[in-house]
């Protein structure tokens, strides 16, 4: 289990700033109760505990105020033109393009893709139910707004994963070099994003499993050149290979050497093999099934497939 808190001696807010609550955001009464349980257990029992102190002023924090709060599964919202700006020139004509709120178009594959359809209208971040995110929308969800969100929620450090990027290379049969270039572009962008506050924003490097050799090279680049704190992959089979396939052993050996965790993170509605895919026509149903069961399958593959025996120093994180 990944611990989500670390004890710290001081009782100041992140960066010494006084935290405030955005108008309209609820005070986290239930979260506080959960946090007390986390305190007694000595660890955070799920990623949901990452939002422990949302909106509370430092003097209002309950018994866990001596702990450092870490969001182990934070997310960025990438700009629609990320890949056009960051991908290698050779692949610019094939660069994914953001669609709607969270979607992406990859060589004509518009993802996430659910048979019943997904509303693609942008939410009204200023006046509608999503108005609490207006401060971030005004800044196009940049690093400054990410830091402000951490302060509002009382979070000290966040490990960041993609939103559009969860889908950008999630197509079986995608040309392997293009898949690698898509990951490289995202990782470059994320490194620039985290550079605004490297002591608080930690990146998880994205690696595609379309080609094991390219995956190894990207893991090394992401950690050694960009300073990523983890390597994450999709838990789904890619081109017929589950993550315990022997072809991926060099990748796991390299991740061991790099000393960072291997994370899996699911996202519903991809053009890969997916639990629940082809069965449900509503996003919520598919989301609930595949996010849980794909990670269960990945965990099973790593254990039963012998990966953890072959790579005993490999640390794994399974994220919704």
Protein backbone atom coordinates (compact mmCIF):
# COMPACT_ATOMS: atom_id res chain seq x y z
CA UNK A 1 0.00 0.00 0.00
CA UNK A 2 1.27 3.47 -0.82
CA UNK A 3 1.35 5.71 2.18
CA UNK A 4 -0.36 9.01 1.51
CA UNK A 5 0.86 11.06 4.45
CA UNK A 6 4.15 11.93 6.10
CA UNK A 7 4.57 13.59 9.49
CA UNK A 8 5.95 17.11 9.44
CA UNK A 9 6.95 19.20 12.46
CA UNK A 10 5.53 22.55 11.35
CA UNK A 11 1.86 23.48 11.21
CA UNK A 12 1.96 25.94 8.36
CA UNK A 13 0.02 25.74 5.14
CA UNK A 14 1.85 24.85 1.91
CA UNK A 15 4.43 27.52 1.15
CA UNK A 16 3.53 29.33 4.37
CA UNK A 17 0.34 30.70 2.79
CA UNK A 18 -3.00 31.02 4.49
CA UNK A 19 -5.51 28.78 2.77
CA UNK A 20 -8.94 30.03 1.79
CA UNK A 21 -12.09 28.46 0.40
CA UNK A 22 -13.53 29.28 -3.01
CA UNK A 23 -17.11 30.52 -2.68
CA UNK A 24 -19.51 27.66 -3.25
CA UNK A 25 -17.18 24.78 -2.38
CA UNK A 26 -18.41 22.61 0.49
CA UNK A 27 -16.53 22.19 3.72
CA UNK A 28 -15.36 18.57 3.94
CA UNK A 29 -17.11 17.34 7.09
CA UNK A 30 -17.20 13.73 5.93
CA UNK A 31 -13.65 13.93 4.64
CA UNK A 32 -12.51 15.12 8.05
CA UNK A 33 -14.16 12.13 9.66
CA UNK A 34 -12.42 9.84 7.18
CA UNK A 35 -9.14 11.61 7.83
CA UNK A 36 -9.41 10.87 11.52
CA UNK A 37 -9.65 7.19 10.64
CA UNK A 38 -6.63 7.58 8.39
CA UNK A 39 -4.76 9.12 11.30
CA UNK A 40 -5.54 6.16 13.55
CA UNK A 41 -4.48 3.70 10.88
CA UNK A 42 -1.28 5.61 10.28
CA UNK A 43 -1.78 5.74 6.52
CA UNK A 44 -4.21 6.77 3.85
CA UNK A 45 -6.31 3.78 2.85
CA UNK A 46 -7.38 5.11 -0.55
CA UNK A 47 -6.73 7.92 -2.99
CA UNK A 48 -9.99 9.50 -1.83
CA UNK A 49 -8.26 10.54 1.37
CA UNK A 50 -6.01 12.81 -0.65
CA UNK A 51 -8.45 15.71 -0.24
CA UNK A 52 -8.20 15.74 3.52
CA UNK A 53 -8.41 19.40 4.42
CA UNK A 54 -10.34 20.96 1.57
CA UNK A 55 -11.15 24.57 2.31
CA UNK A 56 -10.30 24.55 6.01
CA UNK A 57 -8.08 27.27 7.43
CA UNK A 58 -4.97 25.97 9.23
CA UNK A 59 -6.43 26.74 12.66
CA UNK A 60 -9.55 24.74 11.74
CA UNK A 61 -7.67 21.57 10.88
CA UNK A 62 -8.47 18.63 13.15
CA UNK A 63 -6.08 16.09 14.61
CA UNK A 64 -4.28 15.24 11.37
CA UNK A 65 -2.92 18.78 10.95
CA UNK A 66 0.60 17.61 11.80
CA UNK A 67 0.63 15.45 8.68
CA UNK A 68 1.76 16.23 5.18
CA UNK A 69 -1.12 15.60 2.76
CA UNK A 70 -0.25 13.98 -0.58
CA UNK A 71 -2.64 13.50 -3.49
CA UNK A 72 -1.34 10.27 -5.02
CA UNK A 73 -3.68 10.53 -8.03
CA UNK A 74 -3.92 14.15 -9.06
CA UNK A 75 -4.91 15.14 -12.58
CA UNK A 76 -4.11 17.88 -15.04
CA UNK A 77 -6.45 19.11 -17.76
CA UNK A 78 -4.30 19.40 -20.84
CA UNK A 79 -4.78 22.13 -23.48
CA UNK A 80 -6.32 20.98 -26.75
CA UNK A 81 -3.16 21.82 -28.71
CA UNK A 82 -0.65 20.12 -26.41
CA UNK A 83 0.47 17.55 -28.98
CA UNK A 84 0.61 19.99 -31.85
CA UNK A 85 3.01 22.11 -29.82
CA UNK A 86 5.12 19.44 -28.13
CA UNK A 87 5.27 16.46 -30.50
CA UNK A 88 8.37 15.90 -32.62
CA UNK A 89 8.06 17.62 -36.04
CA UNK A 90 8.12 14.26 -37.83
CA UNK A 91 4.74 13.38 -36.29
CA UNK A 92 3.07 16.80 -36.20
CA UNK A 93 0.71 15.94 -39.04
CA UNK A 94 -0.52 12.97 -36.96
CA UNK A 95 -0.66 14.79 -33.63
CA UNK A 96 -3.71 14.09 -31.45
CA UNK A 97 -6.05 17.03 -30.94
CA UNK A 98 -8.18 17.78 -27.90
CA UNK A 99 -11.95 17.43 -28.35
CA UNK A 100 -14.59 18.81 -25.99
CA UNK A 101 -13.93 18.85 -22.27
CA UNK A 102 -11.74 15.78 -21.80
CA UNK A 103 -11.64 14.05 -25.18
CA UNK A 104 -9.02 13.61 -27.86
CA UNK A 105 -8.97 12.74 -31.57
CA UNK A 106 -6.22 10.24 -32.45
CA UNK A 107 -6.04 9.50 -36.19
CA UNK A 108 -9.83 9.71 -36.38
CA UNK A 109 -10.43 7.73 -33.17
CA UNK A 110 -12.41 10.14 -30.99
CA UNK A 111 -11.98 9.02 -27.39
CA UNK A 112 -13.47 8.34 -24.92
CA UNK A 113 -15.87 6.34 -27.07
CA UNK A 114 -19.03 4.88 -25.52
CA UNK A 115 -21.88 3.45 -27.68
CA UNK A 116 -24.48 5.64 -25.96
CA UNK A 117 -22.43 8.74 -26.65
CA UNK A 118 -20.81 11.26 -24.36
CA UNK A 119 -21.93 14.90 -24.13
CA UNK A 120 -19.03 16.96 -25.46
CA UNK A 121 -20.30 20.45 -24.61
CA UNK A 122 -17.93 22.34 -22.34
CA UNK A 123 -19.43 22.86 -18.86
CA UNK A 124 -20.17 26.39 -17.77
CA UNK A 125 -17.24 26.91 -15.43
CA UNK A 126 -18.44 30.39 -14.49
CA UNK A 127 -22.16 30.04 -13.67
CA UNK A 128 -23.18 26.36 -13.88
CA UNK A 129 -22.64 23.44 -11.49
CA UNK A 130 -18.93 23.51 -12.33
CA UNK A 131 -18.58 27.16 -11.26
CA UNK A 132 -16.30 26.14 -8.41
CA UNK A 133 -13.63 25.58 -11.08
CA UNK A 134 -14.03 29.04 -12.57
CA UNK A 135 -10.76 30.25 -11.08
CA UNK A 136 -8.97 27.43 -12.94
CA UNK A 137 -10.93 27.78 -16.19
CA UNK A 138 -10.00 31.45 -16.37
CA UNK A 139 -6.36 30.36 -16.42
CA UNK A 140 -7.00 27.43 -18.80
CA UNK A 141 -6.15 25.00 -15.98
CA UNK A 142 -2.50 26.04 -15.90
CA UNK A 143 0.05 25.28 -13.20
CA UNK A 144 -0.88 28.38 -11.18
CA UNK A 145 -4.50 27.24 -10.99
CA UNK A 146 -3.33 23.74 -10.04
CA UNK A 147 -1.39 25.20 -7.12
CA UNK A 148 -4.37 27.31 -6.08
CA UNK A 149 -6.54 24.18 -6.12
CA UNK A 150 -4.05 22.38 -3.87
CA UNK A 151 -4.16 25.28 -1.42
CA UNK A 152 -7.96 25.31 -1.42
CA UNK A 153 -8.06 21.58 -0.68
CA UNK A 154 -5.28 21.67 1.89
CA UNK A 155 -3.03 19.40 -0.18
CA UNK A 156 0.73 19.81 0.08
CA UNK A 157 1.97 17.68 -2.83
CA UNK A 158 0.28 16.09 -5.87
CA UNK A 159 1.46 13.33 -8.21
CA UNK A 160 -0.05 14.28 -11.55
CA UNK A 161 -1.68 12.07 -14.20
CA UNK A 162 -3.34 13.07 -17.49
CA UNK A 163 -6.94 13.53 -18.52
CA UNK A 164 -6.87 13.69 -22.33
CA UNK A 165 -3.56 11.84 -22.22
CA UNK A 166 -5.23 8.75 -20.78
CA UNK A 167 -6.73 8.29 -24.27
CA UNK A 168 -4.09 9.78 -26.55
CA UNK A 169 -2.30 6.48 -27.23
CA UNK A 170 -5.13 4.10 -26.28
CA UNK A 171 -5.73 2.53 -29.69
CA UNK A 172 -4.77 -1.01 -30.68
CA UNK A 173 -2.70 -1.02 -33.84
CA UNK A 174 -1.47 2.55 -33.38
CA UNK A 175 1.92 2.85 -35.12
CA UNK A 176 4.43 2.19 -32.31
CA UNK A 177 6.68 5.15 -33.12
CA UNK A 178 3.68 7.47 -33.16
CA UNK A 179 2.50 6.07 -29.82
CA UNK A 180 5.96 6.72 -28.41
CA UNK A 181 5.99 10.26 -29.82
CA UNK A 182 2.59 10.95 -28.24
CA UNK A 183 3.93 9.90 -24.84
CA UNK A 184 7.15 11.90 -25.33
CA UNK A 185 5.16 15.05 -26.14
CA UNK A 186 2.91 14.67 -23.10
CA UNK A 187 5.88 14.03 -20.81
CA UNK A 188 7.68 17.14 -22.08
CA UNK A 189 4.59 19.24 -21.51
CA UNK A 190 4.09 17.80 -18.02
CA UNK A 191 7.71 18.52 -17.10
CA UNK A 192 7.20 22.16 -18.07
CA UNK A 193 3.95 22.21 -16.07
CA UNK A 194 5.58 20.81 -12.93
CA UNK A 195 8.59 23.13 -13.25
CA UNK A 196 6.41 25.94 -11.87
CA UNK A 197 6.58 24.32 -8.41
CA UNK A 198 8.75 21.18 -8.48
CA UNK A 199 8.54 20.85 -4.70
CA UNK A 200 4.74 20.40 -4.90
CA UNK A 201 3.91 19.14 -8.42
CA UNK A 202 5.31 15.67 -9.21
CA UNK A 203 4.87 14.18 -12.66
CA UNK A 204 4.14 10.55 -13.53
CA UNK A 205 5.68 9.76 -16.91
CA UNK A 206 3.42 8.14 -19.51
CA UNK A 207 4.73 5.09 -21.37
CA UNK A 208 2.92 3.30 -24.20
CA UNK A 209 3.12 -0.50 -24.41
CA UNK A 210 2.77 -0.68 -28.20
CA UNK A 211 6.51 -1.39 -28.49
CA UNK A 212 8.54 -2.67 -25.50
CA UNK A 213 11.81 -1.17 -26.72
CA UNK A 214 10.30 2.28 -27.19
CA UNK A 215 8.69 1.93 -23.76
CA UNK A 216 12.08 1.30 -22.13
CA UNK A 217 13.62 4.32 -23.84
CA UNK A 218 10.74 6.58 -22.79
CA UNK A 219 10.87 5.43 -19.17
CA UNK A 220 14.57 6.27 -19.00
CA UNK A 221 14.03 9.66 -20.68
CA UNK A 222 11.06 10.55 -18.47
CA UNK A 223 12.88 9.84 -15.21
CA UNK A 224 16.49 10.75 -15.99
CA UNK A 225 15.90 13.74 -18.27
CA UNK A 226 12.54 15.09 -17.11
CA UNK A 227 12.58 14.15 -13.43
CA UNK A 228 9.36 12.12 -13.38
CA UNK A 229 8.59 10.46 -10.04
CA UNK A 230 6.73 7.42 -11.43
CA UNK A 231 6.08 5.60 -14.70
CA UNK A 232 2.50 4.80 -15.57
CA UNK A 233 0.97 2.53 -18.20
CA UNK A 234 -2.54 1.55 -19.18
CA UNK A 235 -3.62 -1.68 -17.43
CA UNK A 236 -5.33 -2.93 -20.61
CA UNK A 237 -3.84 -5.46 -23.01
CA UNK A 238 -2.18 -3.68 -25.92
CA UNK A 239 -1.94 -5.44 -29.28
CA UNK A 240 -2.87 -8.71 -27.58
CA UNK A 241 -0.20 -8.54 -24.84
CA UNK A 242 -1.19 -8.30 -21.19
CA UNK A 243 1.19 -6.48 -18.86
CA UNK A 244 2.74 -9.72 -17.59
CA UNK A 245 4.01 -10.59 -21.08
CA UNK A 246 7.70 -11.49 -21.11
CA UNK A 247 8.31 -8.81 -23.75
CA UNK A 248 7.82 -6.21 -21.03
CA UNK A 249 10.43 -7.64 -18.64
CA UNK A 250 13.12 -5.21 -19.88
CA UNK A 251 10.77 -2.32 -19.05
CA UNK A 252 10.18 -3.57 -15.53
CA UNK A 253 13.89 -4.18 -15.02
CA UNK A 254 14.57 -0.59 -16.07
CA UNK A 255 11.87 0.80 -13.78
CA UNK A 256 13.46 -1.17 -10.94
CA UNK A 257 16.82 0.35 -11.76
CA UNK A 258 15.36 3.84 -11.94
CA UNK A 259 13.88 3.39 -8.47
CA UNK A 260 10.42 4.75 -9.25
CA UNK A 261 7.01 3.06 -8.90
CA UNK A 262 5.09 1.46 -11.77
CA UNK A 263 1.54 2.80 -11.84
CA UNK A 264 -1.47 1.65 -13.82
CA UNK A 265 -4.32 4.07 -14.50
CA UNK A 266 -7.53 3.18 -16.31
CA UNK A 267 -9.88 5.35 -18.38
CA UNK A 268 -13.23 4.26 -19.84
CA UNK A 269 -14.07 4.20 -23.53
CA UNK A 270 -10.80 3.34 -25.28
CA UNK A 271 -10.05 1.36 -28.43
CA UNK A 272 -8.16 -1.30 -26.49
CA UNK A 273 -9.44 -4.52 -24.94
CA UNK A 274 -11.38 -3.36 -21.88
CA UNK A 275 -13.52 -5.06 -19.24
CA UNK A 276 -17.11 -4.01 -19.89
CA UNK A 277 -16.31 -2.76 -23.38
CA UNK A 278 -19.07 -3.64 -25.85
CA UNK A 279 -21.43 -4.45 -23.00
CA UNK A 280 -22.51 -1.07 -21.63
CA UNK A 281 -23.82 1.93 -23.54
CA UNK A 282 -23.63 4.39 -20.63
CA UNK A 283 -20.38 6.02 -19.56
CA UNK A 284 -21.10 5.69 -15.84
CA UNK A 285 -21.67 1.92 -16.07
CA UNK A 286 -18.53 1.38 -18.13
CA UNK A 287 -16.53 3.68 -15.87
CA UNK A 288 -17.57 1.85 -12.70
CA UNK A 289 -16.74 -1.55 -14.17
CA UNK A 290 -13.55 -0.97 -16.11
CA UNK A 291 -11.80 1.30 -13.63
CA UNK A 292 -12.08 -1.31 -10.91
CA UNK A 293 -11.78 -4.53 -12.88
CA UNK A 294 -8.97 -3.46 -15.24
CA UNK A 295 -6.79 -2.69 -12.23
CA UNK A 296 -7.78 -5.98 -10.62
CA UNK A 297 -6.73 -7.71 -13.84
CA UNK A 298 -3.44 -5.81 -13.91
CA UNK A 299 -2.72 -6.71 -10.29
CA UNK A 300 -3.51 -10.36 -11.02
CA UNK A 301 -1.29 -10.34 -14.11
CA UNK A 302 1.68 -8.92 -12.21
CA UNK A 303 1.30 -11.45 -9.39
CA UNK A 304 0.10 -14.62 -11.12
CA UNK A 305 2.15 -13.89 -14.24
CA UNK A 306 5.32 -13.92 -12.14
CA UNK A 307 6.36 -10.32 -12.80
CA UNK A 308 6.83 -9.54 -9.11
CA UNK A 309 8.90 -12.70 -8.65
CA UNK A 310 11.12 -11.79 -11.58
CA UNK A 311 11.37 -8.18 -10.41
CA UNK A 312 11.20 -8.26 -6.60
CA UNK A 313 12.11 -4.57 -6.20
CA UNK A 314 9.30 -3.38 -8.47
CA UNK A 315 6.85 -1.16 -6.59
CA UNK A 316 3.32 -0.97 -8.01
CA UNK A 317 0.44 1.49 -7.67
CA UNK A 318 -3.06 0.78 -9.01
CA UNK A 319 -5.13 3.90 -9.63
CA UNK A 320 -8.82 4.12 -10.48
